[in-house]
N, C-alpha and C. Protein backbone atom coordinates (compact mmCIF):
# COMPACT_ATOMS: atom_id res chain seq x y z
N UNK A 1 33.09 29.42 31.88
CA UNK A 1 33.31 28.74 30.97
C UNK A 1 34.01 29.42 29.70
N UNK A 2 34.98 28.97 29.10
CA UNK A 2 35.89 29.28 27.99
C UNK A 2 35.21 28.82 27.45
N UNK A 3 35.05 29.62 26.40
CA UNK A 3 34.81 29.22 24.84
C UNK A 3 36.00 28.95 24.24
N UNK A 4 35.97 27.84 23.68
CA UNK A 4 36.96 27.06 23.15
C UNK A 4 36.68 26.57 21.39
N UNK A 5 37.41 26.72 20.79
CA UNK A 5 37.34 26.37 18.94
C UNK A 5 37.82 25.06 18.63
N UNK A 6 38.81 24.37 19.31
CA UNK A 6 39.81 23.08 19.05
C UNK A 6 40.21 22.82 20.47
N UNK A 7 39.88 21.09 20.73
CA UNK A 7 40.57 20.88 21.83
C UNK A 7 41.65 19.81 21.59
N UNK A 8 43.34 19.47 22.20
CA UNK A 8 43.74 18.54 21.59
C UNK A 8 43.85 17.68 22.82
N UNK A 9 43.96 16.21 23.35
CA UNK A 9 44.67 15.49 24.10
C UNK A 9 46.15 15.05 24.00
N UNK A 10 46.28 16.08 25.00
CA UNK A 10 48.30 15.22 25.37
C UNK A 10 48.54 14.83 26.74
N UNK A 11 47.19 13.76 27.20
CA UNK A 11 47.24 13.36 28.51
C UNK A 11 48.17 12.30 28.19
N UNK A 12 49.60 11.72 29.08
CA UNK A 12 50.30 11.00 29.24
C UNK A 12 51.12 11.19 28.49
N UNK A 13 51.53 12.43 27.62
CA UNK A 13 52.61 12.77 26.99
C UNK A 13 53.81 13.65 28.07
N UNK A 14 54.94 13.57 27.71
CA UNK A 14 56.41 13.97 28.84
C UNK A 14 56.66 15.24 27.39
N UNK A 15 57.67 16.15 28.18
CA UNK A 15 57.61 17.27 27.56
C UNK A 15 58.93 16.49 26.40
N UNK A 16 58.58 17.25 25.06
CA UNK A 16 57.86 18.18 24.61
C UNK A 16 57.09 17.99 23.78
N UNK A 17 56.37 16.84 24.20
CA UNK A 17 55.15 16.30 22.70
C UNK A 17 54.08 17.12 23.53
N UNK A 18 53.47 17.53 24.61
CA UNK A 18 52.55 18.79 24.61
C UNK A 18 52.83 20.05 24.02
N UNK A 19 54.01 20.50 23.80
CA UNK A 19 54.32 21.62 22.99
C UNK A 19 54.28 21.46 21.55
N UNK A 20 54.68 20.43 21.19
CA UNK A 20 54.48 19.81 19.66
C UNK A 20 53.36 19.27 19.15
N UNK A 21 52.44 18.91 19.93
CA UNK A 21 50.92 18.89 19.39
C UNK A 21 50.25 20.40 19.27
N UNK A 22 50.35 21.35 20.50
CA UNK A 22 50.19 22.37 20.45
C UNK A 22 50.52 23.00 19.68
N UNK A 23 52.22 23.27 19.33
CA UNK A 23 52.29 24.36 18.31
C UNK A 23 51.46 23.83 16.73
N UNK A 24 51.70 22.44 16.38
CA UNK A 24 51.10 21.97 15.22
C UNK A 24 49.53 22.44 14.84
N UNK A 25 48.83 22.53 15.92
CA UNK A 25 47.39 22.66 15.75
C UNK A 25 47.22 24.31 15.80
N UNK A 26 48.00 25.00 16.47
CA UNK A 26 47.86 26.48 16.54
C UNK A 26 47.91 26.63 15.02
N UNK A 27 49.00 26.53 14.05
CA UNK A 27 49.37 26.90 12.94
C UNK A 27 47.91 26.55 11.97
N UNK A 28 47.11 25.70 12.16
CA UNK A 28 45.95 25.71 11.90
C UNK A 28 44.84 26.28 11.80
N UNK A 29 45.32 27.11 13.36
CA UNK A 29 43.85 27.62 13.86
C UNK A 29 44.13 29.45 12.93
N UNK A 30 42.89 29.89 12.88
CA UNK A 30 42.57 31.45 12.86
C UNK A 30 42.66 32.35 13.94
N UNK A 31 43.08 33.33 13.59
CA UNK A 31 43.35 34.31 14.37
C UNK A 31 42.40 34.64 15.92
N UNK A 32 42.57 34.83 16.91
CA UNK A 32 41.45 34.94 17.66
C UNK A 32 40.77 33.53 18.38
N UNK A 33 41.14 32.33 17.64
CA UNK A 33 40.61 31.32 18.28
C UNK A 33 41.12 30.64 19.42
N UNK A 34 40.40 30.00 19.97
CA UNK A 34 41.33 29.33 21.05
C UNK A 34 41.67 28.19 21.14
N UNK A 35 42.42 27.72 21.68
CA UNK A 35 42.61 25.99 21.75
C UNK A 35 42.38 25.87 23.27
N UNK A 36 42.36 24.41 23.51
CA UNK A 36 42.12 23.66 24.60
C UNK A 36 43.31 22.83 24.55
N UNK A 37 44.02 22.55 25.38
CA UNK A 37 45.06 21.38 25.49
C UNK A 37 45.10 21.04 26.79
N UNK A 38 44.46 19.67 26.86
CA UNK A 38 44.49 18.48 27.97
C UNK A 38 45.52 18.06 28.06
N UNK A 39 46.55 17.98 29.27
CA UNK A 39 48.06 17.60 29.65
C UNK A 39 47.51 16.91 31.07
N UNK A 40 48.89 15.63 31.03
CA UNK A 40 49.02 15.86 32.62
C UNK A 40 50.06 15.83 33.23
N UNK A 41 51.25 16.16 32.10
CA UNK A 41 52.51 16.57 32.70
C UNK A 41 52.31 17.91 33.43
N UNK A 42 52.94 17.86 34.32
CA UNK A 42 52.85 18.61 35.43
C UNK A 42 53.97 20.08 34.57
N UNK A 43 55.06 19.48 34.19
CA UNK A 43 55.68 20.76 33.32
C UNK A 43 55.16 21.89 32.63
N UNK A 44 54.47 21.11 31.64
CA UNK A 44 53.44 21.47 30.66
C UNK A 44 52.98 23.16 31.43
N UNK A 45 52.72 23.05 32.74
CA UNK A 45 52.19 24.49 33.05
C UNK A 45 52.87 25.64 32.72
N UNK A 46 54.53 25.22 32.76
CA UNK A 46 55.27 26.39 32.31
C UNK A 46 55.65 26.42 31.09
N UNK A 47 55.85 25.21 30.88
CA UNK A 47 56.31 25.17 29.23
C UNK A 47 54.99 25.94 28.21
N UNK A 48 54.03 25.86 28.10
CA UNK A 48 52.69 25.95 27.67
C UNK A 48 52.84 27.98 27.53
N UNK A 49 52.98 28.06 28.76
CA UNK A 49 52.76 29.50 28.98
C UNK A 49 54.37 30.18 28.41
N UNK A 50 55.34 29.50 28.84
CA UNK A 50 56.56 29.98 27.66
C UNK A 50 56.44 29.83 26.69
N UNK A 51 56.05 28.96 25.86
CA UNK A 51 56.15 29.12 24.56
C UNK A 51 54.89 29.68 23.96
N UNK A 52 53.83 30.08 24.29
CA UNK A 52 52.88 30.94 23.95
C UNK A 52 53.33 32.43 23.82
N UNK A 53 54.05 32.82 25.22
CA UNK A 53 54.64 33.61 25.24
C UNK A 53 55.82 33.84 24.11
N UNK A 54 56.46 33.13 23.51
CA UNK A 54 57.67 33.07 22.97
C UNK A 54 57.50 33.39 21.75
N UNK A 55 55.92 32.80 21.16
CA UNK A 55 55.73 33.01 19.62
C UNK A 55 54.69 34.31 19.89
N UNK A 56 54.05 34.65 20.83
CA UNK A 56 53.16 36.00 20.67
C UNK A 56 51.57 35.72 20.81
N UNK A 57 51.70 34.21 20.87
CA UNK A 57 49.99 33.63 21.27
C UNK A 57 49.61 34.44 22.83
N UNK A 58 48.11 34.38 22.73
CA UNK A 58 48.05 35.18 24.34
C UNK A 58 47.62 33.43 25.27
N UNK A 59 48.74 33.17 26.17
CA UNK A 59 47.88 32.52 27.15
C UNK A 59 47.05 32.77 28.02
N UNK A 60 45.79 32.01 28.19
CA UNK A 60 44.95 32.39 28.74
C UNK A 60 45.12 32.05 30.24
N UNK A 61 45.36 31.05 30.42
CA UNK A 61 45.51 30.19 31.53
C UNK A 61 45.43 28.74 31.43
N UNK A 62 45.50 28.44 33.35
CA UNK A 62 45.68 26.64 32.92
C UNK A 62 44.56 26.46 34.48
N UNK A 63 43.57 25.03 34.11
CA UNK A 63 43.12 24.82 35.17
C UNK A 63 43.23 23.25 35.21
N UNK A 64 43.02 22.70 36.84
CA UNK A 64 43.69 21.68 37.10
C UNK A 64 42.47 21.02 37.16
N UNK A 65 41.93 20.16 36.81
CA UNK A 65 40.54 19.27 37.19
C UNK A 65 40.88 17.99 37.58
N UNK A 66 40.58 17.59 38.34
CA UNK A 66 40.95 15.68 38.77
C UNK A 66 41.85 15.59 37.84
N UNK A 67 43.00 16.10 38.17
CA UNK A 67 44.47 15.59 37.86
C UNK A 67 44.84 15.56 36.26
N UNK A 68 43.85 16.53 35.62
CA UNK A 68 44.19 17.01 34.37
C UNK A 68 44.32 18.24 34.20
N UNK A 69 45.38 19.09 33.55
CA UNK A 69 45.44 20.23 32.96
C UNK A 69 44.87 20.56 32.16
N UNK A 70 44.18 22.14 32.08
CA UNK A 70 43.40 22.24 31.24
C UNK A 70 44.19 23.86 30.49
N UNK A 71 45.13 23.59 29.79
CA UNK A 71 45.35 24.84 29.27
C UNK A 71 44.67 25.62 28.16
N UNK A 72 44.86 27.24 28.13
CA UNK A 72 44.12 27.68 26.96
C UNK A 72 44.89 28.79 26.31
N UNK A 73 44.75 28.41 25.01
CA UNK A 73 45.85 29.38 24.25
C UNK A 73 44.83 30.10 23.32
N UNK A 74 44.88 31.44 23.13
CA UNK A 74 44.17 32.32 21.85
C UNK A 74 45.30 32.48 21.26
N UNK A 75 44.87 32.28 19.68
CA UNK A 75 45.84 32.46 18.35
C UNK A 75 45.66 34.13 18.42
N UNK A 76 46.86 34.37 17.83
CA UNK A 76 47.15 35.60 17.75
C UNK A 76 47.82 35.92 16.39
N UNK A 77 47.79 36.94 15.61
CA UNK A 77 47.91 37.21 14.16
C UNK A 77 49.26 37.39 13.83
N UNK A 78 50.22 36.92 15.06
CA UNK A 78 51.53 36.76 14.90
C UNK A 78 52.25 35.87 14.16
N UNK A 79 51.46 34.89 12.90
CA UNK A 79 52.20 33.99 12.36
C UNK A 79 53.52 34.09 11.92
N UNK A 80 53.71 35.78 11.58
CA UNK A 80 55.05 35.85 11.35
C UNK A 80 56.20 36.03 12.25
N UNK A 81 55.75 35.90 13.50
CA UNK A 81 56.35 35.73 14.48
C UNK A 81 57.44 34.24 14.42
N UNK A 82 59.00 34.22 14.60
CA UNK A 82 59.31 32.82 14.70
C UNK A 82 59.79 32.50 15.99
N UNK A 83 59.19 31.56 16.37
CA UNK A 83 59.86 31.00 17.57
C UNK A 83 61.06 31.21 18.02
N UNK A 84 61.48 31.68 19.51
CA UNK A 84 62.48 32.17 19.72
C UNK A 84 63.39 31.33 20.00
N UNK A 85 64.69 30.95 19.88
CA UNK A 85 65.61 29.92 20.82
C UNK A 85 66.71 30.66 21.72
N UNK A 86 67.32 30.61 23.00
CA UNK A 86 68.39 30.82 23.69
C UNK A 86 69.56 30.91 22.17
N UNK A 87 70.58 31.47 22.39
CA UNK A 87 71.47 31.60 21.36
C UNK A 87 73.11 30.98 21.88
N UNK A 88 72.67 30.81 23.45
CA UNK A 88 74.35 30.53 23.63
C UNK A 88 73.65 28.58 24.18
N UNK A 89 74.63 28.01 23.84
CA UNK A 89 74.18 26.32 23.74
C UNK A 89 75.75 25.72 24.03
N UNK A 90 75.42 24.78 24.88
CA UNK A 90 76.19 23.89 25.07
C UNK A 90 76.14 22.61 25.02
N UNK A 91 76.83 21.92 24.41
CA UNK A 91 76.37 20.28 24.21
C UNK A 91 76.72 19.39 25.65
N UNK A 92 76.10 18.60 25.90
CA UNK A 92 76.08 17.88 26.87
C UNK A 92 77.64 17.47 27.02
N UNK A 93 78.34 16.88 25.77
CA UNK A 93 79.80 16.41 25.91
C UNK A 93 80.75 17.70 26.61
N UNK A 94 80.05 18.78 26.39
CA UNK A 94 80.95 19.43 27.13
C UNK A 94 80.92 20.25 28.35
N UNK A 95 79.41 19.86 29.15
CA UNK A 95 79.25 20.64 29.89
C UNK A 95 80.09 20.11 31.29
N UNK A 96 80.68 18.85 31.52
CA UNK A 96 81.51 18.96 32.53
C UNK A 96 83.13 19.57 32.41
N UNK A 97 83.43 19.59 31.07
CA UNK A 97 84.34 20.55 30.95
C UNK A 97 84.51 21.70 31.50
N UNK A 98 83.27 22.66 31.10
CA UNK A 98 82.68 23.68 30.93
C UNK A 98 83.16 24.28 32.97
N UNK A 99 81.60 23.03 33.45
CA UNK A 99 81.65 23.21 34.79
C UNK A 99 83.12 23.11 35.68
N UNK A 100 83.92 22.63 35.13
CA UNK A 100 85.33 22.28 35.87
C UNK A 100 85.90 23.73 35.89
N UNK A 101 85.38 25.06 35.36
CA UNK A 101 86.16 26.41 35.25
C UNK A 101 85.15 26.91 36.31
N UNK A 102 84.06 26.33 36.73
CA UNK A 102 82.99 27.32 37.68
C UNK A 102 81.71 27.01 37.03
N UNK A 103 81.03 27.40 37.77
CA UNK A 103 79.53 27.87 36.99
C UNK A 103 78.63 26.85 38.00
N UNK A 104 77.49 27.39 37.77
CA UNK A 104 75.95 26.80 38.35
C UNK A 104 75.48 25.96 37.25
N UNK A 105 74.73 24.65 37.93
CA UNK A 105 74.32 23.67 36.92
C UNK A 105 72.82 23.67 37.32
N UNK A 106 71.60 24.07 36.43
CA UNK A 106 70.63 24.68 36.54
C UNK A 106 69.69 23.39 35.93
N UNK A 107 68.77 22.64 36.89
CA UNK A 107 67.85 21.81 36.64
C UNK A 107 66.34 22.29 36.88
N UNK A 108 65.81 22.48 35.82
CA UNK A 108 64.49 23.05 35.75
C UNK A 108 63.44 22.11 35.21
N UNK A 109 63.73 20.74 35.76
CA UNK A 109 62.79 19.69 35.48
C UNK A 109 61.42 20.08 36.56
N UNK A 110 60.29 18.87 36.45
CA UNK A 110 59.45 19.28 37.61
C UNK A 110 60.39 18.18 38.65
N UNK A 111 59.69 18.31 40.31
CA UNK A 111 60.21 17.01 40.74
C UNK A 111 60.43 15.75 40.72
N UNK A 112 59.29 15.07 40.04
CA UNK A 112 59.44 13.48 39.76
C UNK A 112 60.53 13.21 39.01
N UNK A 113 60.93 14.32 37.69
CA UNK A 113 61.86 13.90 36.96
C UNK A 113 63.10 14.30 37.24
N UNK A 114 63.35 14.96 38.57
CA UNK A 114 64.62 15.32 38.84
C UNK A 114 64.73 14.36 39.84
N UNK A 115 63.91 13.57 40.48
CA UNK A 115 64.19 12.57 41.63
C UNK A 115 64.73 11.16 40.78
N UNK A 116 63.72 11.30 39.47
CA UNK A 116 64.44 9.86 38.75
C UNK A 116 66.17 9.79 38.18
N UNK A 117 66.50 11.11 38.64
CA UNK A 117 67.94 11.04 38.09
C UNK A 117 68.19 12.53 37.58
N UNK A 118 69.33 12.89 38.02
CA UNK A 118 69.77 14.02 38.26
C UNK A 118 71.78 14.13 38.24
N UNK A 119 71.84 15.28 37.29
CA UNK A 119 73.54 15.09 37.62
C UNK A 119 74.11 15.62 38.53
N UNK A 120 74.54 15.14 39.56
CA UNK A 120 75.32 15.62 41.04
C UNK A 120 75.72 16.86 41.22
N UNK A 121 75.10 17.76 42.28
CA UNK A 121 75.59 19.28 42.20
C UNK A 121 74.65 19.95 41.38
N UNK A 122 73.41 19.91 40.74
CA UNK A 122 72.48 20.62 40.47
C UNK A 122 71.85 21.24 41.34
N UNK A 123 71.51 22.50 41.03
CA UNK A 123 70.70 22.99 41.59
C UNK A 123 69.02 22.62 40.89
N UNK A 124 68.53 22.45 41.68
CA UNK A 124 66.65 22.06 41.26
C UNK A 124 65.79 23.42 41.22
N UNK A 125 65.78 24.02 40.37
CA UNK A 125 64.05 24.80 40.34
C UNK A 125 63.57 24.66 39.34
N UNK A 126 62.69 24.13 39.44
CA UNK A 126 61.43 24.13 38.19
C UNK A 126 61.09 25.05 37.83
N UNK A 127 60.64 25.09 36.18
CA UNK A 127 60.32 26.32 35.49
C UNK A 127 59.48 27.21 35.76
N UNK A 128 58.68 26.36 36.39
CA UNK A 128 57.14 27.50 36.73
C UNK A 128 57.74 28.04 38.28
N UNK A 129 59.00 27.94 38.85
CA UNK A 129 58.97 28.41 40.17
C UNK A 129 60.27 29.52 39.96
N UNK A 130 60.99 29.43 38.79
CA UNK A 130 62.01 30.33 38.71
C UNK A 130 62.04 31.46 38.61
N UNK A 131 60.74 32.18 38.27
CA UNK A 131 60.45 33.36 38.46
C UNK A 131 60.79 33.94 39.84
N UNK A 132 60.07 33.27 40.86
CA UNK A 132 60.32 33.71 42.24
C UNK A 132 61.38 33.24 43.10
N UNK A 133 62.00 32.28 42.24
CA UNK A 133 63.56 31.70 43.02
C UNK A 133 64.39 31.94 42.23
N UNK A 134 64.78 32.78 41.59
CA UNK A 134 65.77 32.81 40.63
C UNK A 134 67.12 33.57 41.53
N UNK A 135 66.41 34.68 42.75
CA UNK A 135 67.72 35.12 43.77
C UNK A 135 68.48 33.71 44.29
N UNK A 136 67.97 32.91 44.00
CA UNK A 136 68.91 31.57 44.79
C UNK A 136 70.46 31.44 43.77
N UNK A 137 70.27 32.03 42.57
CA UNK A 137 71.03 32.04 41.52
C UNK A 137 72.33 33.17 41.88
N UNK A 138 73.72 32.93 41.12
CA UNK A 138 74.72 34.42 41.08
C UNK A 138 74.53 35.06 39.30
N UNK A 139 74.27 36.03 39.78
CA UNK A 139 74.35 36.54 38.51
C UNK A 139 76.19 37.15 37.82
N UNK A 140 76.84 36.46 38.82
CA UNK A 140 78.12 36.42 38.27
C UNK A 140 79.01 35.26 37.80
N UNK A 141 78.21 34.07 38.03
CA UNK A 141 78.36 33.01 37.43
C UNK A 141 77.92 32.75 35.82
N UNK A 142 78.42 31.39 35.69
CA UNK A 142 78.14 31.11 34.07
C UNK A 142 77.13 30.48 34.96
N UNK A 143 75.50 30.16 34.20
CA UNK A 143 74.91 29.23 34.23
C UNK A 143 74.43 28.22 33.20
N UNK A 144 74.16 27.14 33.40
CA UNK A 144 74.15 26.09 32.46
C UNK A 144 72.69 25.27 32.90
N UNK A 145 71.63 25.62 31.98
CA UNK A 145 70.06 25.18 32.38
C UNK A 145 70.06 23.81 31.79
N UNK A 146 69.52 22.99 32.24
CA UNK A 146 69.32 21.23 31.56
C UNK A 146 68.03 21.13 32.18
N UNK A 147 67.23 20.01 31.16
CA UNK A 147 66.45 19.48 31.40
C UNK A 147 66.32 18.58 30.60
N UNK A 148 65.01 17.61 30.25
CA UNK A 148 64.97 16.20 29.65
C UNK A 148 65.71 16.43 28.38
N UNK A 149 64.86 17.31 27.55
CA UNK A 149 65.23 17.53 26.00
C UNK A 149 66.25 19.00 25.41
N UNK A 150 65.88 19.95 26.36
CA UNK A 150 66.48 20.93 26.01
C UNK A 150 65.36 22.03 25.52
N UNK A 151 64.40 21.79 25.55
CA UNK A 151 62.75 22.57 25.53
C UNK A 151 62.49 23.26 26.43
N UNK A 152 62.62 22.86 27.54
CA UNK A 152 62.17 23.54 28.88
C UNK A 152 63.47 24.30 29.34
N UNK A 153 64.64 23.95 29.01
CA UNK A 153 65.73 24.79 29.55
C UNK A 153 65.76 25.85 28.29
N UNK A 154 65.68 25.50 27.82
CA UNK A 154 65.75 27.06 26.24
C UNK A 154 64.49 27.95 26.65
N UNK A 155 63.14 27.66 27.55
CA UNK A 155 62.55 28.83 27.83
C UNK A 155 63.24 29.23 29.39
N UNK A 156 63.46 28.31 30.31
CA UNK A 156 64.35 28.71 31.30
C UNK A 156 65.57 29.97 31.00
N UNK A 157 66.72 29.62 29.70
CA UNK A 157 67.43 30.43 29.88
C UNK A 157 66.67 31.78 29.25
N UNK A 158 66.08 32.06 28.63
CA UNK A 158 65.42 33.36 28.22
C UNK A 158 64.94 33.99 29.54
N UNK A 159 64.38 33.19 30.06
CA UNK A 159 64.02 33.79 31.35
C UNK A 159 64.56 34.16 31.83
N UNK A 160 65.52 33.36 31.86
CA UNK A 160 66.93 34.27 33.05
C UNK A 160 67.55 35.36 32.48
N UNK A 161 68.14 35.61 31.45
CA UNK A 161 68.43 36.57 30.44
C UNK A 161 67.73 37.98 30.86
N UNK A 162 66.54 37.76 30.36
CA UNK A 162 65.07 39.05 30.80
C UNK A 162 65.26 39.33 32.46
N UNK A 163 65.62 38.57 32.92
CA UNK A 163 65.46 38.60 34.62
C UNK A 163 67.40 39.38 35.04
N UNK A 164 67.78 39.55 33.54
CA UNK A 164 69.15 40.22 34.29
C UNK A 164 70.55 39.07 34.61
N UNK A 165 70.46 38.02 33.94
CA UNK A 165 71.34 37.29 33.81
C UNK A 165 72.12 36.72 32.38
N UNK A 166 73.39 37.42 32.71
CA UNK A 166 74.01 37.54 31.07
C UNK A 166 74.81 36.13 30.76
N UNK A 167 75.32 35.17 31.73
CA UNK A 167 75.76 34.01 31.17
C UNK A 167 75.07 32.82 31.25
N UNK A 168 74.57 32.80 30.48
CA UNK A 168 73.79 31.58 30.56
C UNK A 168 73.58 30.93 29.27
N UNK A 169 73.58 29.74 29.88
CA UNK A 169 73.80 28.36 28.64
C UNK A 169 72.44 27.17 28.63
N UNK A 170 72.22 27.04 27.53
CA UNK A 170 71.19 25.97 27.15
C UNK A 170 72.18 24.91 27.09
N UNK A 171 71.90 23.93 27.86
CA UNK A 171 72.54 22.32 27.80
C UNK A 171 71.44 21.75 26.70
N UNK A 172 72.15 21.51 25.54
CA UNK A 172 71.59 20.10 24.70
C UNK A 172 72.21 18.59 24.33
N UNK A 173 71.64 17.74 24.35
CA UNK A 173 70.25 17.47 24.09
C UNK A 173 69.63 17.74 25.62
N UNK A 174 70.30 17.39 26.26
CA UNK A 174 69.51 17.23 27.79
C UNK A 174 69.70 16.07 28.30
N UNK A 175 68.80 16.03 29.75
CA UNK A 175 69.40 14.80 30.49
C UNK A 175 68.75 13.27 29.51
N UNK A 176 67.96 13.22 28.97
CA UNK A 176 67.61 12.35 27.91
C UNK A 176 68.66 11.70 27.25
N UNK A 177 69.94 11.85 26.91
CA UNK A 177 70.77 11.75 25.92
C UNK A 177 72.63 11.87 26.88
N UNK A 178 72.06 11.93 28.09
CA UNK A 178 73.40 11.97 29.13
C UNK A 178 73.95 10.93 29.22
N UNK A 179 75.13 10.79 28.87
CA UNK A 179 76.13 9.45 29.19
C UNK A 179 76.54 9.18 30.17
N UNK A 180 76.87 10.39 31.12
CA UNK A 180 77.43 10.43 32.76
C UNK A 180 76.17 9.88 33.52
N UNK A 181 77.10 9.76 34.72
CA UNK A 181 76.67 9.30 35.66
C UNK A 181 75.22 10.09 36.30
N UNK A 182 74.02 9.62 36.85
CA UNK A 182 72.55 9.90 37.44
C UNK A 182 72.75 9.87 38.69
N UNK A 183 72.63 11.31 39.66
CA UNK A 183 72.29 10.50 41.02
C UNK A 183 70.49 10.77 41.30
N UNK A 184 70.47 9.70 42.21
CA UNK A 184 68.61 9.78 42.72
C UNK A 184 68.89 10.22 44.06
N UNK A 185 69.86 10.87 44.76
CA UNK A 185 69.80 11.79 45.81
C UNK A 185 69.22 12.69 45.88
N UNK A 186 67.97 13.25 47.12
CA UNK A 186 67.45 14.52 46.66
C UNK A 186 67.95 15.38 47.85
């Protein structure tokens, strides 16, 4: 059993809210304290780990018990570390124009989110599977990464750059504000 100092309930919340609540509480913790986040959003598994890494906190791990994800993060002394963001951004409105010149549209949402509507032609690789499946992408093409709000796609874009992809763009503000057609075909 992991000794925790603070627990927050993010059950029923979708991305980016589990991260928003986690970030807020982590600011109040002291170095070395452990935060326990309860969430039901499957995407939070990859999101919380990626966020903790991006700001320098220790991601301890996640356990799933009765369909509730229990995330554990230890506060680092890295208050001085600013949350990084991927520097290359494309607005929703620019995406179709950019894609007409070639490239890959990568949707990094969870399967259920993807099934409820995605941009036709998108390659679907959930953020949590990206490291093991990134070889399905080409390093020679522009890669436009999209999620619901831009947060998860930001993590994915930074991960792809670490894996050696150089032409990676985060699509903002994401599917949530997409005005084009969405497909439900899988």
